[in-house]
């Protein structure tokens, strides 16, 4: 119910849903990289898998030669050979 009210308010004020509902925004650039906005921090890191906290869950990025290219309070960029991106709630 609370989520629905927030969504209706976001629609009324023309706010992006990802910000108003505390959702991550994930942009996959082919198999070269992933940009995640509205993250909660790094949970696990290896060259084959990166796990990032988001809202009520996690995003797992699997691949080869994965590197965190950039990280800020709100955004994280991962590059490498991307094989899969999964969201776990």
N, C-alpha and C. Protein backbone atom coordinates (compact mmCIF):
# COMPACT_ATOMS: atom_id res chain seq x y z
N UNK A 1 0.83 -1.19 0.00
CA UNK A 1 0.00 0.00 0.00
C UNK A 1 0.88 1.25 0.00
N UNK A 2 1.90 1.25 0.86
CA UNK A 2 2.78 2.41 0.95
C UNK A 2 3.50 2.66 -0.38
N UNK A 3 3.92 1.56 -1.02
CA UNK A 3 4.60 1.67 -2.30
C UNK A 3 3.68 2.29 -3.35
N UNK A 4 2.42 1.92 -3.31
CA UNK A 4 1.45 2.45 -4.28
C UNK A 4 1.26 3.96 -4.09
N UNK A 5 1.20 4.40 -2.84
CA UNK A 5 1.05 5.83 -2.55
C UNK A 5 2.27 6.59 -3.05
N UNK A 6 3.45 6.05 -2.81
CA UNK A 6 4.68 6.69 -3.27
C UNK A 6 4.71 6.76 -4.79
N UNK A 7 4.23 5.69 -5.45
CA UNK A 7 4.22 5.68 -6.91
C UNK A 7 3.25 6.72 -7.45
N UNK A 8 2.07 6.83 -6.84
CA UNK A 8 1.09 7.82 -7.28
C UNK A 8 1.61 9.24 -7.07
N UNK A 9 2.28 9.47 -5.94
CA UNK A 9 2.86 10.78 -5.67
C UNK A 9 3.96 11.10 -6.68
N UNK A 10 4.78 10.12 -7.00
CA UNK A 10 5.83 10.31 -8.00
C UNK A 10 5.24 10.65 -9.36
N UNK A 11 4.16 9.97 -9.72
CA UNK A 11 3.49 10.26 -10.99
C UNK A 11 2.93 11.68 -11.00
N UNK A 12 2.32 12.06 -9.90
CA UNK A 12 1.73 13.39 -9.79
C UNK A 12 2.78 14.49 -9.90
N UNK A 13 3.91 14.28 -9.25
CA UNK A 13 4.99 15.28 -9.26
C UNK A 13 5.97 15.09 -10.41
N UNK A 14 5.71 14.07 -11.26
CA UNK A 14 6.56 13.75 -12.41
C UNK A 14 8.00 13.48 -12.00
N UNK A 15 8.17 12.71 -10.91
CA UNK A 15 9.48 12.30 -10.44
C UNK A 15 9.83 10.94 -11.02
N UNK A 16 11.10 10.67 -11.26
CA UNK A 16 11.48 9.33 -11.73
C UNK A 16 11.15 8.28 -10.68
N UNK A 17 10.59 7.15 -11.11
CA UNK A 17 10.19 6.10 -10.18
C UNK A 17 11.37 5.50 -9.42
N UNK A 18 12.52 5.38 -10.08
CA UNK A 18 13.66 4.78 -9.40
C UNK A 18 14.08 5.58 -8.18
N UNK A 19 13.98 6.88 -8.23
CA UNK A 19 14.35 7.72 -7.09
C UNK A 19 13.26 7.71 -6.03
N UNK A 20 12.03 7.90 -6.44
CA UNK A 20 10.94 7.99 -5.47
C UNK A 20 10.64 6.67 -4.77
N UNK A 21 10.89 5.54 -5.42
CA UNK A 21 10.62 4.23 -4.82
C UNK A 21 11.89 3.55 -4.31
N UNK A 22 13.02 4.27 -4.31
CA UNK A 22 14.30 3.75 -3.84
C UNK A 22 14.70 2.49 -4.60
N UNK A 23 14.56 2.54 -5.92
CA UNK A 23 14.92 1.42 -6.78
C UNK A 23 16.25 1.71 -7.48
N UNK A 24 17.02 0.67 -7.76
CA UNK A 24 18.26 0.89 -8.51
C UNK A 24 17.96 1.10 -9.99
N UNK A 25 18.85 1.80 -10.65
CA UNK A 25 18.79 1.92 -12.11
C UNK A 25 20.01 1.20 -12.64
N UNK A 26 19.79 0.23 -13.52
CA UNK A 26 20.88 -0.58 -14.06
C UNK A 26 20.93 -0.39 -15.56
N UNK A 27 22.09 0.04 -16.05
CA UNK A 27 22.30 0.22 -17.48
C UNK A 27 23.40 -0.74 -17.90
N UNK A 28 23.06 -1.64 -18.82
CA UNK A 28 24.03 -2.62 -19.33
C UNK A 28 24.46 -2.14 -20.71
N UNK A 29 25.76 -2.02 -20.90
CA UNK A 29 26.31 -1.58 -22.17
C UNK A 29 26.90 -2.80 -22.87
N UNK A 30 26.05 -3.47 -23.64
CA UNK A 30 26.47 -4.68 -24.33
C UNK A 30 27.07 -5.68 -23.36
N UNK A 31 28.21 -6.23 -23.73
CA UNK A 31 28.91 -7.12 -22.80
C UNK A 31 30.17 -6.45 -22.26
N UNK A 32 30.19 -5.10 -22.32
CA UNK A 32 31.39 -4.35 -21.92
C UNK A 32 31.32 -3.76 -20.52
N UNK A 33 30.13 -3.48 -20.02
CA UNK A 33 30.06 -2.84 -18.71
C UNK A 33 28.65 -2.67 -18.20
N UNK A 34 28.57 -2.27 -16.92
CA UNK A 34 27.29 -2.05 -16.24
C UNK A 34 27.43 -0.79 -15.38
N UNK A 35 26.41 0.06 -15.43
CA UNK A 35 26.35 1.23 -14.56
C UNK A 35 25.16 1.06 -13.64
N UNK A 36 25.39 1.16 -12.34
CA UNK A 36 24.32 1.01 -11.35
C UNK A 36 24.20 2.31 -10.58
N UNK A 37 23.01 2.88 -10.59
CA UNK A 37 22.73 4.09 -9.82
C UNK A 37 21.86 3.72 -8.63
N UNK A 38 21.98 4.48 -7.56
CA UNK A 38 21.20 4.28 -6.34
C UNK A 38 21.58 2.96 -5.65
N UNK A 39 22.89 2.72 -5.52
CA UNK A 39 23.38 1.50 -4.88
C UNK A 39 23.60 1.73 -3.39
N UNK A 40 23.84 0.65 -2.66
CA UNK A 40 24.08 0.71 -1.22
C UNK A 40 25.47 0.21 -0.84
N UNK A 41 26.31 -0.03 -1.83
CA UNK A 41 27.68 -0.42 -1.53
C UNK A 41 28.06 -1.78 -2.06
N UNK A 42 29.35 -2.02 -2.04
CA UNK A 42 29.93 -3.26 -2.53
C UNK A 42 29.83 -4.34 -1.46
N UNK A 43 29.35 -5.52 -1.84
CA UNK A 43 29.22 -6.64 -0.92
C UNK A 43 30.31 -7.67 -1.16
N UNK A 44 30.58 -7.97 -2.43
CA UNK A 44 31.57 -8.99 -2.78
C UNK A 44 32.27 -8.59 -4.07
N UNK A 45 33.57 -8.88 -4.13
CA UNK A 45 34.32 -8.53 -5.33
C UNK A 45 35.32 -9.62 -5.69
N UNK A 46 35.30 -10.03 -6.94
CA UNK A 46 36.34 -10.86 -7.53
C UNK A 46 36.33 -10.56 -9.02
N UNK A 47 37.36 -10.97 -9.75
CA UNK A 47 37.38 -10.73 -11.20
C UNK A 47 36.28 -11.47 -11.96
N UNK A 48 35.62 -12.45 -11.30
CA UNK A 48 34.55 -13.22 -11.95
C UNK A 48 33.16 -12.83 -11.47
N UNK A 49 33.05 -12.19 -10.30
CA UNK A 49 31.72 -11.82 -9.78
C UNK A 49 31.82 -10.60 -8.87
N UNK A 50 30.87 -9.68 -9.08
CA UNK A 50 30.74 -8.50 -8.22
C UNK A 50 29.30 -8.47 -7.73
N UNK A 51 29.13 -8.32 -6.41
CA UNK A 51 27.80 -8.24 -5.81
C UNK A 51 27.67 -6.87 -5.16
N UNK A 52 26.58 -6.18 -5.50
CA UNK A 52 26.35 -4.81 -5.05
C UNK A 52 25.02 -4.75 -4.32
N UNK A 53 25.00 -4.11 -3.17
CA UNK A 53 23.76 -3.94 -2.42
C UNK A 53 22.90 -2.84 -3.03
N UNK A 54 21.60 -3.11 -3.09
CA UNK A 54 20.62 -2.13 -3.60
C UNK A 54 19.35 -2.26 -2.78
N UNK A 55 18.80 -1.15 -2.34
CA UNK A 55 17.52 -1.15 -1.63
C UNK A 55 17.29 -2.38 -0.78
N UNK A 56 16.39 -3.23 -1.21
CA UNK A 56 16.03 -4.44 -0.46
C UNK A 56 16.68 -5.70 -1.00
N UNK A 57 17.74 -5.59 -1.78
CA UNK A 57 18.34 -6.78 -2.36
C UNK A 57 19.75 -6.56 -2.81
N UNK A 58 20.14 -7.33 -3.81
CA UNK A 58 21.50 -7.30 -4.34
C UNK A 58 21.46 -7.46 -5.85
N UNK A 59 22.48 -6.93 -6.50
CA UNK A 59 22.68 -7.15 -7.92
C UNK A 59 24.00 -7.90 -8.06
N UNK A 60 23.96 -9.04 -8.77
CA UNK A 60 25.15 -9.86 -9.01
C UNK A 60 25.54 -9.73 -10.47
N UNK A 61 26.79 -9.38 -10.70
CA UNK A 61 27.32 -9.26 -12.05
C UNK A 61 28.37 -10.35 -12.20
N UNK A 62 28.20 -11.22 -13.19
CA UNK A 62 29.15 -12.30 -13.46
C UNK A 62 29.83 -12.06 -14.79
N UNK A 63 31.09 -12.46 -14.87
CA UNK A 63 31.82 -12.29 -16.12
C UNK A 63 33.28 -12.62 -15.97
N UNK A 64 34.08 -11.98 -16.79
CA UNK A 64 35.53 -12.17 -16.79
C UNK A 64 36.22 -10.83 -16.71
N UNK A 65 37.34 -10.80 -16.00
CA UNK A 65 38.16 -9.58 -15.87
C UNK A 65 37.33 -8.39 -15.39
N UNK A 66 36.42 -8.62 -14.46
CA UNK A 66 35.57 -7.54 -13.95
C UNK A 66 36.38 -6.59 -13.07
N UNK A 67 36.16 -5.31 -13.26
CA UNK A 67 36.81 -4.27 -12.48
C UNK A 67 35.80 -3.20 -12.14
N UNK A 68 35.96 -2.61 -10.98
CA UNK A 68 35.14 -1.45 -10.63
C UNK A 68 35.87 -0.24 -11.19
N UNK A 69 35.27 0.33 -12.21
CA UNK A 69 35.90 1.43 -12.92
C UNK A 69 35.73 2.74 -12.17
N UNK A 70 34.55 2.91 -11.57
CA UNK A 70 34.24 4.17 -10.88
C UNK A 70 33.22 3.89 -9.80
N UNK A 71 33.35 4.57 -8.68
CA UNK A 71 32.36 4.44 -7.62
C UNK A 71 32.19 5.79 -6.94
N UNK A 72 30.94 6.14 -6.70
CA UNK A 72 30.61 7.35 -5.96
C UNK A 72 29.50 6.99 -5.00
N UNK A 73 29.02 7.96 -4.27
CA UNK A 73 27.97 7.72 -3.29
C UNK A 73 26.71 7.12 -3.93
N UNK A 74 26.42 7.49 -5.17
CA UNK A 74 25.19 7.03 -5.81
C UNK A 74 25.40 6.09 -7.00
N UNK A 75 26.56 6.16 -7.66
CA UNK A 75 26.78 5.40 -8.88
C UNK A 75 27.98 4.47 -8.75
N UNK A 76 27.91 3.36 -9.48
CA UNK A 76 29.03 2.44 -9.57
C UNK A 76 29.10 1.93 -11.00
N UNK A 77 30.30 1.97 -11.59
CA UNK A 77 30.51 1.49 -12.95
C UNK A 77 31.42 0.28 -12.90
N UNK A 78 31.01 -0.79 -13.56
CA UNK A 78 31.77 -2.03 -13.63
C UNK A 78 32.09 -2.29 -15.10
N UNK A 79 33.34 -2.66 -15.36
CA UNK A 79 33.69 -3.00 -16.74
C UNK A 79 34.35 -4.37 -16.76
N UNK A 80 34.36 -4.96 -17.92
CA UNK A 80 34.89 -6.29 -18.12
C UNK A 80 34.02 -7.01 -19.13
N UNK A 81 34.18 -8.31 -19.24
CA UNK A 81 33.32 -9.11 -20.13
C UNK A 81 32.12 -9.56 -19.31
N UNK A 82 30.97 -8.94 -19.55
CA UNK A 82 29.77 -9.20 -18.77
C UNK A 82 29.06 -10.43 -19.34
N UNK A 83 28.81 -11.41 -18.48
CA UNK A 83 28.07 -12.61 -18.90
C UNK A 83 26.65 -12.61 -18.38
N UNK A 84 26.43 -12.07 -17.16
CA UNK A 84 25.06 -12.00 -16.65
C UNK A 84 24.95 -10.92 -15.57
N UNK A 85 23.72 -10.40 -15.46
CA UNK A 85 23.39 -9.43 -14.42
C UNK A 85 22.09 -9.93 -13.80
N UNK A 86 22.09 -10.16 -12.49
CA UNK A 86 20.90 -10.69 -11.80
C UNK A 86 20.56 -9.81 -10.62
N UNK A 87 19.26 -9.65 -10.39
CA UNK A 87 18.78 -8.93 -9.21
C UNK A 87 18.13 -9.94 -8.28
N UNK A 88 18.59 -9.95 -7.04
CA UNK A 88 18.06 -10.86 -6.01
C UNK A 88 17.45 -10.03 -4.91
N UNK A 89 16.18 -10.30 -4.61
CA UNK A 89 15.52 -9.57 -3.52
C UNK A 89 15.31 -10.45 -2.33
